[in-house]
Amino acid sequence: MKPIQLSWLLQVIEGKLIKGEEQVEGTICGISTDTRKIQLGDLFIPLRGERFDGHDFIEEAYKKGAIGCISERQDVQIPNGKWLFLVSDTKKAMMDLAEAYRKCFSIPVIGVTGSVGKTSTKDMIASILSQKGSILKTQGNYNNEIGVPLTIFGLQSAHQFAIVEMGMSGFGEIHNLSKIVRPQFAIITNIGVSHIEYLGSREGILKAKSEIFDYLAPNGVAIINGDEPLLRSLQETLSCSVITFGHKNTNMYWAQIKQYQDQGMQLLVYTPSNEFMLEVPCIGEHWIYNILPGVAIAELVGLSVEQIQRGVLYFVPSRMRMERESTAYPLHIINDTYNASLDSMKAAIKVLTHLSVPGRKVVILGDIFELGKYSQEIHRELGRYVAQKPIDSLLFVGEAAKEIAVGAQQMGKKSFYFKTKENLLDAISSLIQKDDTILIKASRGMHLEEVVEKLKEVK
């Protein structure tokens, strides 16, 4: 964050300044919502959660070096030389401050949303654009109404691009994030069934995701998955420039897999002005959707083909996203435990089927969350899908995953079902063999990374 003045803060958010007895410092060097990470000169913003209230840590924040605090409460001791800014809602104040801070920068900002693939797309864009200049990107899961402001506060004068991931669980959330981000390029990766429990239908999901265009820059560009009929229909309603991408040659940017390799694949990419090969250090058709938005933006901001090729080649996937490693036993693990949806489950399974492996192919699949009334049928559809693939052993775990087993049984495929993760952990060593290649995937709340760690202990 570049330093900001207290006088500027007073202009951009509503509230009442309360000072300590001595003259207060006027320069804010950073923003923090966590007293464990407070740095000297930070502004502390306490937030409320279901099980905590950050206001309880205001005095600790002052002791650790915070020069001021935005607070909904006044019942704290303000040290000499410090200050407190009283507001009605600290989260709203933080979002308003982030919106104002974002306007201090004229660099291209890229907003990314979608049902699946947001993080991989964001990371791939960052890898490509880093060939041209310094970039800021969303870290971890900082993609909500708290994480996005904290990401924006990381902007500095040296940055030439920012890539901001935008998630949501209901209507209005991406609208609020777009108001902060003000993207020059707005990407929707796809429309699946993630969060359908709250949004009612895929049409509802489309409406919620389309809020990313609410604060698109005047000369902004919408970049959408043209293989998805719901998204392609936006071409008729959006007033901005629209770029489509996908597998099909009806898109402006499209690609073909030319060859699978041991640790990646070769793509032939077609753009409105060019065609070229990419060496991709990832496997799977779904990576076409993760790569092409970055290719489109790169061309628009003037990167050469060689820069695009290097950016893709040097890409490093995030942890727990199709992360591959082998153990001494040996076992070959594909750790995709970060999150899951029906589409991403199918994509991961398809990758496993393409791999040339020394032993059996095994899947360990767990619950997909936030499906509501659609949960039973979606899990059964997944079971039917995986049962038809050349997978040697099927293991399912979780309350909802029982329906995956039902779907597999409907296709005449035997599977092993475990109601709890603990039951699976107890049995796992008896169900695997040397040289198995094991795909492990479920929604984040299942914490199947614990299964990965258990597999590493097998001797």
Protein backbone atom coordinates (compact mmCIF):
# COMPACT_ATOMS: atom_id res chain seq x y z
CA MET A 1 0.00 0.00 0.00
CA LYS A 2 1.23 3.49 -0.71
CA PRO A 3 0.95 5.78 2.33
CA ILE A 4 -2.33 7.69 2.70
CA GLN A 5 -3.14 10.66 4.85
CA LEU A 6 -5.66 10.78 7.66
CA SER A 7 -7.06 13.95 6.08
CA TRP A 8 -7.82 11.99 2.90
CA LEU A 9 -9.48 9.17 4.84
CA LEU A 10 -11.78 11.70 6.50
CA GLN A 11 -12.94 12.83 3.05
CA VAL A 12 -13.79 9.39 1.63
CA ILE A 13 -15.68 7.67 4.45
CA GLU A 14 -18.35 8.94 6.82
CA GLY A 15 -17.72 8.97 10.55
CA LYS A 16 -16.49 10.91 13.56
CA LEU A 17 -12.81 11.35 14.43
CA ILE A 18 -11.91 10.90 18.10
CA LYS A 19 -8.33 11.76 19.07
CA GLY A 20 -6.06 10.92 21.92
CA GLU A 21 -4.81 13.79 24.06
CA GLU A 22 -1.70 14.52 21.98
CA GLN A 23 -1.23 15.41 18.31
CA VAL A 24 -2.04 12.38 16.14
CA GLU A 25 0.06 10.92 13.32
CA GLY A 26 -1.43 11.70 9.94
CA THR A 27 0.14 9.03 7.68
CA ILE A 28 -1.33 5.54 7.31
CA CYS A 29 1.18 2.99 6.03
CA GLY A 30 -1.07 -0.07 5.76
CA ILE A 31 -4.46 -1.62 6.52
CA SER A 32 -4.96 -4.62 8.80
CA THR A 33 -7.96 -6.58 10.06
CA ASP A 34 -5.82 -9.03 12.04
CA THR A 35 -3.83 -7.97 15.11
CA ARG A 36 -1.45 -10.89 14.52
CA LYS A 37 -0.26 -9.11 11.37
CA ILE A 38 -0.22 -5.50 12.58
CA GLN A 39 2.74 -3.43 11.40
CA LEU A 40 3.92 -0.09 12.78
CA GLY A 41 1.81 2.67 11.23
CA ASP A 42 -1.12 0.46 10.22
CA LEU A 43 -4.80 1.36 10.38
CA PHE A 44 -6.70 -1.39 12.19
CA ILE A 45 -10.24 -2.21 11.01
CA PRO A 46 -12.05 -4.62 13.39
CA LEU A 47 -14.67 -6.81 11.75
CA ARG A 48 -17.47 -8.87 13.24
CA GLY A 49 -17.99 -12.57 12.52
CA GLU A 50 -20.33 -15.27 13.75
CA ARG A 51 -17.87 -16.34 16.44
CA PHE A 52 -15.69 -13.28 17.01
CA ASP A 53 -15.70 -9.50 17.25
CA GLY A 54 -12.55 -7.74 16.15
CA HIS A 55 -13.46 -4.78 18.37
CA ASP A 56 -12.28 -6.86 21.33
CA PHE A 57 -8.72 -6.52 19.99
CA ILE A 58 -8.54 -2.76 19.39
CA GLU A 59 -6.37 -2.06 22.43
CA GLU A 60 -4.03 -4.88 21.40
CA ALA A 61 -3.79 -3.32 17.91
CA TYR A 62 -2.72 0.01 19.41
CA LYS A 63 -0.07 -1.73 21.53
CA LYS A 64 1.34 -3.48 18.45
CA GLY A 65 1.79 -0.27 16.49
CA ALA A 66 -1.54 0.69 14.90
CA ILE A 67 -1.78 4.48 14.65
CA GLY A 68 -5.55 4.49 14.38
CA CYS A 69 -8.67 2.40 14.21
CA ILE A 70 -11.99 2.45 12.38
CA SER A 71 -14.54 1.24 14.90
CA GLU A 72 -18.25 0.80 15.59
CA ARG A 73 -17.52 1.11 19.31
CA GLN A 74 -16.13 3.95 21.36
CA ASP A 75 -15.68 2.07 24.64
CA VAL A 76 -11.91 1.70 24.29
CA GLN A 77 -8.97 3.59 25.69
CA ILE A 78 -7.33 5.63 22.92
CA PRO A 79 -3.61 6.04 23.67
CA ASN A 80 -1.91 9.41 23.38
CA GLY A 81 -0.96 10.22 19.81
CA LYS A 82 -3.46 7.69 18.42
CA TRP A 83 -6.96 8.10 17.04
CA LEU A 84 -10.25 6.29 16.46
CA PHE A 85 -12.70 6.90 13.64
CA LEU A 86 -16.23 6.03 14.71
CA VAL A 87 -18.50 4.53 12.00
CA SER A 88 -21.78 2.66 11.87
CA ASP A 89 -20.40 -0.35 9.92
CA THR A 90 -16.71 -1.20 9.77
CA LYS A 91 -17.03 -3.58 6.80
CA LYS A 92 -18.83 -0.94 4.74
CA ALA A 93 -16.24 1.64 5.76
CA MET A 94 -13.45 -0.70 4.63
CA MET A 95 -15.18 -1.27 1.29
CA ASP A 96 -15.72 2.48 0.80
CA LEU A 97 -12.07 3.13 1.62
CA ALA A 98 -10.95 0.43 -0.84
CA GLU A 99 -13.16 1.94 -3.56
CA ALA A 100 -11.59 5.35 -3.04
CA TYR A 101 -8.07 3.91 -2.90
CA ARG A 102 -8.62 1.99 -6.16
CA LYS A 103 -9.46 5.28 -7.89
CA CYS A 104 -5.95 6.52 -7.11
CA PHE A 105 -4.59 4.16 -9.80
CA SER A 106 -5.13 4.23 -13.56
CA ILE A 107 -3.61 0.82 -14.33
CA PRO A 108 -5.67 -1.91 -16.06
CA VAL A 109 -7.49 -4.01 -13.47
CA ILE A 110 -8.82 -7.43 -14.45
CA GLY A 111 -11.82 -8.88 -12.62
CA VAL A 112 -12.37 -12.64 -12.72
CA THR A 113 -15.47 -14.55 -11.67
CA GLY A 114 -17.22 -17.78 -12.60
CA SER A 115 -18.53 -21.00 -11.11
CA VAL A 116 -15.22 -22.85 -11.46
CA GLY A 117 -11.74 -21.99 -12.65
CA LYS A 118 -11.55 -18.48 -11.17
CA THR A 119 -8.30 -19.01 -9.29
CA SER A 120 -6.54 -20.92 -12.07
CA THR A 121 -7.60 -18.29 -14.61
CA LYS A 122 -6.45 -15.46 -12.31
CA ASP A 123 -3.10 -17.13 -11.71
CA MET A 124 -2.58 -17.84 -15.42
CA ILE A 125 -3.34 -14.22 -16.36
CA ALA A 126 -0.86 -13.10 -13.71
CA SER A 127 1.82 -15.44 -15.05
CA ILE A 128 1.36 -14.12 -18.59
CA LEU A 129 1.15 -10.41 -17.73
CA SER A 130 4.16 -10.65 -15.44
CA GLN A 131 6.19 -10.92 -18.65
CA LYS A 132 5.34 -7.27 -19.29
CA GLY A 133 5.47 -5.71 -15.84
CA SER A 134 4.79 -5.88 -12.12
CA ILE A 135 1.41 -7.32 -11.17
CA LEU A 136 -0.82 -7.53 -8.12
CA LYS A 137 -3.12 -10.52 -7.81
CA THR A 138 -5.57 -11.95 -5.31
CA GLN A 139 -3.83 -14.21 -2.82
CA GLY A 140 -5.43 -17.40 -1.52
CA ASN A 141 -9.19 -17.13 -1.10
CA TYR A 142 -9.30 -13.34 -0.69
CA ASN A 143 -12.18 -13.06 -3.15
CA ASN A 144 -15.07 -11.81 -0.99
CA GLU A 145 -16.24 -8.52 0.53
CA ILE A 146 -13.33 -8.62 2.98
CA GLY A 147 -10.63 -10.18 0.82
CA VAL A 148 -11.14 -7.96 -2.24
CA PRO A 149 -10.65 -4.69 -0.30
CA LEU A 150 -7.53 -6.13 1.33
CA THR A 151 -6.24 -7.08 -2.13
CA ILE A 152 -6.90 -3.56 -3.44
CA PHE A 153 -5.03 -2.05 -0.50
CA GLY A 154 -1.98 -3.93 -1.80
CA LEU A 155 -1.82 -1.72 -4.90
CA GLN A 156 1.38 0.28 -5.21
CA SER A 157 2.75 2.74 -7.74
CA ALA A 158 5.07 0.09 -9.21
CA HIS A 159 2.20 -2.18 -10.27
CA GLN A 160 1.26 -2.17 -13.96
CA PHE A 161 -1.64 -4.63 -13.71
CA ALA A 162 -3.95 -6.00 -11.03
CA ILE A 163 -5.90 -9.26 -11.30
CA VAL A 164 -8.72 -9.57 -8.79
CA GLU A 165 -10.74 -12.73 -8.21
CA MET A 166 -14.38 -12.11 -7.27
CA GLY A 167 -16.48 -14.78 -5.56
CA MET A 168 -19.99 -14.76 -4.18
CA SER A 169 -22.70 -16.84 -2.57
CA GLY A 170 -25.71 -14.62 -3.30
CA PHE A 171 -27.10 -11.72 -5.30
CA GLY A 172 -25.53 -8.29 -4.85
CA GLU A 173 -22.11 -9.43 -3.68
CA ILE A 174 -20.29 -9.18 -7.01
CA HIS A 175 -22.09 -5.88 -7.63
CA ASN A 176 -20.45 -4.53 -4.46
CA LEU A 177 -17.06 -5.97 -5.43
CA SER A 178 -17.26 -4.55 -8.94
CA LYS A 179 -17.94 -1.12 -7.43
CA ILE A 180 -14.60 -1.41 -5.65
CA VAL A 181 -12.58 -3.01 -8.46
CA ARG A 182 -13.88 -1.01 -11.46
CA PRO A 183 -12.43 -3.56 -13.91
CA GLN A 184 -11.06 -2.69 -17.31
CA PHE A 185 -11.45 -6.35 -18.29
CA ALA A 186 -14.22 -8.45 -16.75
CA ILE A 187 -14.08 -12.24 -17.18
CA ILE A 188 -16.72 -14.89 -16.53
CA THR A 189 -15.11 -18.32 -16.80
CA ASN A 190 -18.35 -20.34 -16.88
CA ILE A 191 -21.79 -20.85 -15.34
CA GLY A 192 -22.07 -24.09 -13.39
CA VAL A 193 -24.11 -25.11 -10.37
CA SER A 194 -21.89 -23.81 -7.56
CA HIS A 195 -24.06 -21.89 -5.03
CA ILE A 196 -27.24 -23.02 -6.77
CA GLU A 197 -28.63 -23.65 -3.27
CA TYR A 198 -28.79 -19.86 -2.77
CA LEU A 199 -29.44 -18.69 -6.33
CA GLY A 200 -32.12 -21.15 -7.39
CA SER A 201 -31.07 -21.90 -10.98
CA ARG A 202 -28.26 -21.53 -13.48
CA GLU A 203 -30.09 -18.46 -14.79
CA GLY A 204 -29.90 -17.04 -11.27
CA ILE A 205 -26.17 -17.80 -11.17
CA LEU A 206 -25.74 -16.02 -14.51
CA LYS A 207 -27.54 -12.96 -13.15
CA ALA A 208 -25.35 -12.89 -10.04
CA LYS A 209 -22.10 -13.39 -11.96
CA SER A 210 -23.08 -10.74 -14.53
CA GLU A 211 -22.94 -8.14 -11.78
CA ILE A 212 -19.22 -7.98 -12.58
CA PHE A 213 -20.17 -5.73 -15.51
CA ASP A 214 -22.05 -3.23 -13.31
CA TYR A 215 -18.99 -1.04 -12.84
CA LEU A 216 -16.99 -1.96 -15.92
CA ALA A 217 -14.76 0.90 -17.07
CA PRO A 218 -16.28 3.09 -19.83
CA ASN A 219 -13.99 1.51 -22.43
CA GLY A 220 -13.99 -1.86 -20.69
CA VAL A 221 -14.11 -5.30 -22.28
CA ALA A 222 -16.22 -8.31 -21.30
CA ILE A 223 -14.45 -11.65 -21.80
CA ILE A 224 -16.82 -14.62 -21.66
CA ASN A 225 -16.82 -18.37 -22.26
CA GLY A 226 -18.47 -18.61 -25.67
CA ASP A 227 -18.97 -22.38 -25.41
CA GLU A 228 -21.55 -21.75 -22.68
CA PRO A 229 -24.92 -20.83 -24.24
CA LEU A 230 -26.07 -18.84 -21.21
CA LEU A 231 -22.94 -16.71 -21.30
CA ARG A 232 -22.95 -16.34 -25.07
CA SER A 233 -26.41 -14.79 -24.78
CA LEU A 234 -24.81 -11.81 -23.02
CA GLN A 235 -23.48 -10.64 -26.39
CA GLU A 236 -27.00 -9.45 -27.16
CA THR A 237 -27.42 -7.48 -23.92
CA LEU A 238 -24.00 -6.02 -23.06
CA SER A 239 -23.23 -2.58 -24.47
CA CYS A 240 -19.45 -2.96 -24.10
CA SER A 241 -16.97 -4.79 -26.32
CA VAL A 242 -17.29 -8.58 -25.91
CA ILE A 243 -14.62 -11.22 -26.51
CA THR A 244 -15.52 -14.92 -26.53
CA PHE A 245 -13.19 -17.85 -25.85
CA GLY A 246 -13.45 -21.63 -25.76
CA HIS A 247 -12.90 -24.91 -27.57
CA LYS A 248 -15.16 -24.07 -30.51
CA ASN A 249 -13.94 -22.24 -33.58
CA THR A 250 -16.98 -19.97 -33.40
CA ASN A 251 -15.15 -18.08 -30.63
CA MET A 252 -12.77 -15.18 -31.20
CA TYR A 253 -10.11 -17.01 -29.18
CA TRP A 254 -10.08 -20.79 -29.38
CA ALA A 255 -7.62 -23.65 -29.04
CA GLN A 256 -7.03 -27.31 -29.81
CA ILE A 257 -5.02 -29.86 -27.85
CA LYS A 258 -2.39 -31.16 -30.22
CA GLN A 259 -0.54 -33.53 -27.89
CA TYR A 260 -0.62 -34.76 -24.30
CA GLN A 261 2.75 -35.02 -22.57
CA ASP A 262 3.84 -36.55 -19.28
CA GLN A 263 3.56 -33.31 -17.28
CA GLY A 264 1.56 -31.12 -19.64
CA MET A 265 0.26 -30.66 -23.16
CA GLN A 266 0.65 -28.70 -26.37
CA LEU A 267 -2.07 -26.31 -27.47
CA LEU A 268 -2.60 -24.71 -30.85
CA VAL A 269 -4.16 -21.32 -30.16
CA TYR A 270 -6.12 -19.25 -32.65
CA THR A 271 -6.67 -15.52 -32.11
CA PRO A 272 -8.22 -12.87 -34.37
CA SER A 273 -4.74 -11.92 -35.59
CA ASN A 274 -2.54 -14.95 -35.03
CA GLU A 275 -2.09 -18.65 -34.39
CA PHE A 276 0.68 -20.21 -32.33
CA MET A 277 1.66 -23.17 -30.16
CA LEU A 278 1.73 -23.14 -26.37
CA GLU A 279 3.59 -25.55 -24.11
CA VAL A 280 1.31 -25.88 -21.08
CA PRO A 281 2.63 -27.34 -17.78
CA CYS A 282 -0.87 -28.64 -16.92
CA ILE A 283 -3.11 -31.38 -18.28
CA GLY A 284 -6.78 -31.31 -19.22
CA GLU A 285 -9.19 -29.76 -21.71
CA HIS A 286 -10.50 -27.40 -19.02
CA TRP A 287 -7.16 -25.56 -19.08
CA ILE A 288 -8.15 -24.10 -22.44
CA TYR A 289 -10.74 -22.06 -20.54
CA ASN A 290 -8.15 -21.01 -17.94
CA ILE A 291 -5.55 -19.95 -20.50
CA LEU A 292 -7.44 -18.14 -23.28
CA PRO A 293 -8.65 -15.13 -21.23
CA GLY A 294 -5.01 -14.37 -20.42
CA VAL A 295 -4.05 -14.74 -24.07
CA ALA A 296 -6.81 -12.32 -25.08
CA ILE A 297 -5.81 -9.69 -22.53
CA ALA A 298 -2.13 -10.11 -23.39
CA GLU A 299 -2.79 -9.37 -27.05
CA LEU A 300 -4.93 -6.36 -26.16
CA VAL A 301 -2.22 -4.81 -23.97
CA GLY A 302 0.55 -5.47 -26.48
CA LEU A 303 2.42 -8.60 -25.39
CA SER A 304 4.26 -10.54 -28.08
CA VAL A 305 3.63 -14.20 -28.87
CA GLU A 306 6.98 -15.03 -27.27
CA GLN A 307 5.98 -13.28 -24.04
CA ILE A 308 2.66 -15.15 -23.96
CA GLN A 309 4.45 -18.46 -24.54
CA ARG A 310 6.90 -17.80 -21.71
CA GLY A 311 4.14 -16.70 -19.36
CA VAL A 312 2.21 -19.93 -19.92
CA LEU A 313 5.30 -22.14 -19.78
CA TYR A 314 6.42 -20.68 -16.43
CA PHE A 315 2.97 -20.96 -14.84
CA VAL A 316 2.92 -22.63 -11.40
CA PRO A 317 -0.49 -23.96 -10.25
CA SER A 318 -1.71 -23.15 -6.75
CA ARG A 319 -1.40 -25.81 -4.05
CA MET A 320 -4.10 -28.49 -3.80
CA ARG A 321 -5.19 -27.88 -7.39
CA MET A 322 -4.30 -30.97 -9.41
CA GLU A 323 -1.02 -30.97 -7.47
CA ARG A 324 0.96 -34.09 -8.31
CA GLU A 325 3.52 -35.89 -6.18
CA SER A 326 4.82 -39.41 -5.62
CA THR A 327 5.60 -41.17 -2.35
CA ALA A 328 8.32 -43.68 -1.52
CA TYR A 329 5.82 -46.58 -1.33
CA PRO A 330 5.30 -45.68 -4.25
CA LEU A 331 1.93 -43.98 -4.69
CA HIS A 332 1.19 -41.25 -7.22
CA ILE A 333 -1.14 -38.63 -5.75
CA ILE A 334 -3.18 -35.97 -7.55
CA ASN A 335 -4.20 -33.57 -4.80
CA ASP A 336 -7.20 -31.53 -5.99
CA THR A 337 -8.72 -30.99 -2.56
CA TYR A 338 -9.01 -27.19 -2.62
CA ASN A 339 -12.62 -27.17 -3.77
CA ALA A 340 -15.13 -28.93 -6.00
CA SER A 341 -18.16 -28.56 -8.23
CA LEU A 342 -19.78 -31.01 -10.62
CA ASP A 343 -17.92 -29.51 -13.59
CA SER A 344 -14.54 -29.48 -11.87
CA MET A 345 -15.05 -33.05 -10.64
CA LYS A 346 -15.70 -34.21 -14.19
CA ALA A 347 -12.70 -32.28 -15.51
CA ALA A 348 -10.36 -33.81 -12.92
CA ILE A 349 -11.64 -37.32 -13.62
CA LYS A 350 -11.15 -36.77 -17.34
CA VAL A 351 -7.53 -35.75 -16.72
CA LEU A 352 -6.92 -38.97 -14.79
CA THR A 353 -8.26 -41.01 -17.71
CA HIS A 354 -5.76 -39.36 -20.07
CA LEU A 355 -2.71 -40.10 -17.93
CA SER A 356 -0.35 -42.94 -18.74
CA VAL A 357 0.31 -44.54 -15.35
CA PRO A 358 2.29 -47.56 -14.09
CA GLY A 359 -0.52 -49.06 -11.99
CA ARG A 360 -4.22 -48.67 -11.20
CA LYS A 361 -6.25 -45.48 -11.47
CA VAL A 362 -8.14 -44.68 -8.26
CA VAL A 363 -10.49 -41.84 -7.28
CA ILE A 364 -11.39 -40.67 -3.79
CA LEU A 365 -14.33 -38.28 -4.14
CA GLY A 366 -16.19 -36.45 -1.39
CA ASP A 367 -19.19 -34.18 -0.94
CA ILE A 368 -19.92 -31.17 -3.16
CA PHE A 369 -21.38 -28.45 -0.94
CA GLU A 370 -24.02 -25.73 -1.52
CA LEU A 371 -26.24 -27.70 -3.88
CA GLY A 372 -29.44 -27.56 -1.82
CA LYS A 373 -32.35 -29.49 -3.29
CA TYR A 374 -30.21 -30.40 -6.31
CA SER A 375 -27.66 -32.29 -4.20
CA GLN A 376 -29.00 -35.81 -4.65
CA GLU A 377 -29.28 -35.69 -8.42
CA ILE A 378 -25.97 -33.89 -8.98
CA HIS A 379 -24.07 -36.38 -6.83
CA ARG A 380 -25.79 -39.27 -8.62
CA GLU A 381 -24.88 -37.73 -11.97
CA LEU A 382 -21.26 -37.63 -10.83
CA GLY A 383 -21.47 -41.30 -9.83
CA ARG A 384 -22.84 -42.29 -13.22
CA TYR A 385 -20.15 -40.24 -14.93
CA VAL A 386 -17.17 -41.70 -13.09
CA ALA A 387 -18.58 -45.24 -13.37
CA GLN A 388 -18.35 -45.02 -17.16
CA LYS A 389 -14.70 -43.98 -17.13
CA PRO A 390 -11.73 -46.38 -17.15
CA ILE A 391 -11.09 -46.01 -13.42
CA ASP A 392 -10.03 -49.14 -11.52
CA SER A 393 -11.24 -48.31 -8.01
CA LEU A 394 -13.87 -45.88 -6.74
CA LEU A 395 -13.86 -44.59 -3.15
CA PHE A 396 -16.48 -42.10 -1.93
CA VAL A 397 -16.66 -40.31 1.41
CA GLY A 398 -19.20 -38.03 3.11
CA GLU A 399 -22.92 -37.74 3.80
CA ALA A 400 -23.81 -36.52 0.30
CA ALA A 401 -21.26 -38.80 -1.38
CA LYS A 402 -23.54 -41.75 -0.64
CA GLU A 403 -25.45 -40.58 -3.71
CA ILE A 404 -22.27 -40.79 -5.82
CA ALA A 405 -22.13 -44.46 -4.85
CA VAL A 406 -25.80 -44.85 -5.81
CA GLY A 407 -25.09 -43.31 -9.22
CA ALA A 408 -22.15 -45.63 -9.79
CA GLN A 409 -24.27 -48.61 -8.77
CA GLN A 410 -26.91 -47.56 -11.30
CA MET A 411 -24.23 -48.11 -13.96
CA GLY A 412 -23.29 -51.50 -12.48
CA LYS A 413 -19.96 -50.30 -11.02
CA LYS A 414 -18.79 -51.42 -7.58
CA SER A 415 -17.48 -48.79 -5.19
CA PHE A 416 -16.38 -48.35 -1.58
CA TYR A 417 -18.41 -45.88 0.49
CA PHE A 418 -17.45 -44.26 3.81
CA LYS A 419 -19.81 -42.08 5.77
CA THR A 420 -17.02 -40.16 7.48
CA LYS A 421 -13.48 -39.16 6.66
CA GLU A 422 -12.31 -40.97 9.80
CA ASN A 423 -13.80 -44.24 8.51
CA LEU A 424 -11.94 -43.76 5.24
CA LEU A 425 -8.65 -42.97 7.00
CA ASP A 426 -8.93 -46.18 9.02
CA ALA A 427 -9.43 -48.30 5.89
CA ILE A 428 -7.35 -46.52 3.27
CA SER A 429 -4.14 -48.55 3.59
CA SER A 430 -6.04 -51.80 2.87
CA LEU A 431 -7.62 -50.41 -0.32
CA ILE A 432 -4.60 -49.14 -2.20
CA GLN A 433 -1.75 -50.89 -3.98
CA LYS A 434 1.78 -50.00 -5.01
CA ASP A 435 1.96 -47.70 -8.03
CA ASP A 436 -1.68 -46.59 -7.74
CA THR A 437 -2.40 -43.14 -9.15
CA ILE A 438 -4.99 -41.60 -6.83
CA LEU A 439 -7.12 -38.52 -7.55
CA ILE A 440 -8.52 -36.92 -4.38
CA LYS A 441 -11.20 -34.24 -4.68
CA ALA A 442 -14.09 -32.72 -2.69
CA SER A 443 -15.41 -29.39 -1.49
CA ARG A 444 -13.02 -27.51 0.75
CA GLY A 445 -15.01 -28.14 3.91
CA MET A 446 -14.36 -31.88 3.62
CA HIS A 447 -10.65 -31.30 4.36
CA LEU A 448 -9.55 -34.26 2.26
CA GLU A 449 -5.99 -32.97 2.38
CA GLU A 450 -5.89 -35.10 5.53
CA VAL A 451 -6.35 -38.14 3.29
CA VAL A 452 -3.40 -36.95 1.20
CA GLU A 453 -1.24 -36.79 4.30
CA LYS A 454 -2.37 -40.25 5.34
CA LEU A 455 -1.40 -41.66 1.94
CA LYS A 456 2.06 -40.17 2.32
CA GLU A 457 2.53 -42.27 5.47
CA VAL A 458 1.80 -45.59 3.76
CA LYS A 459 4.82 -47.89 3.71
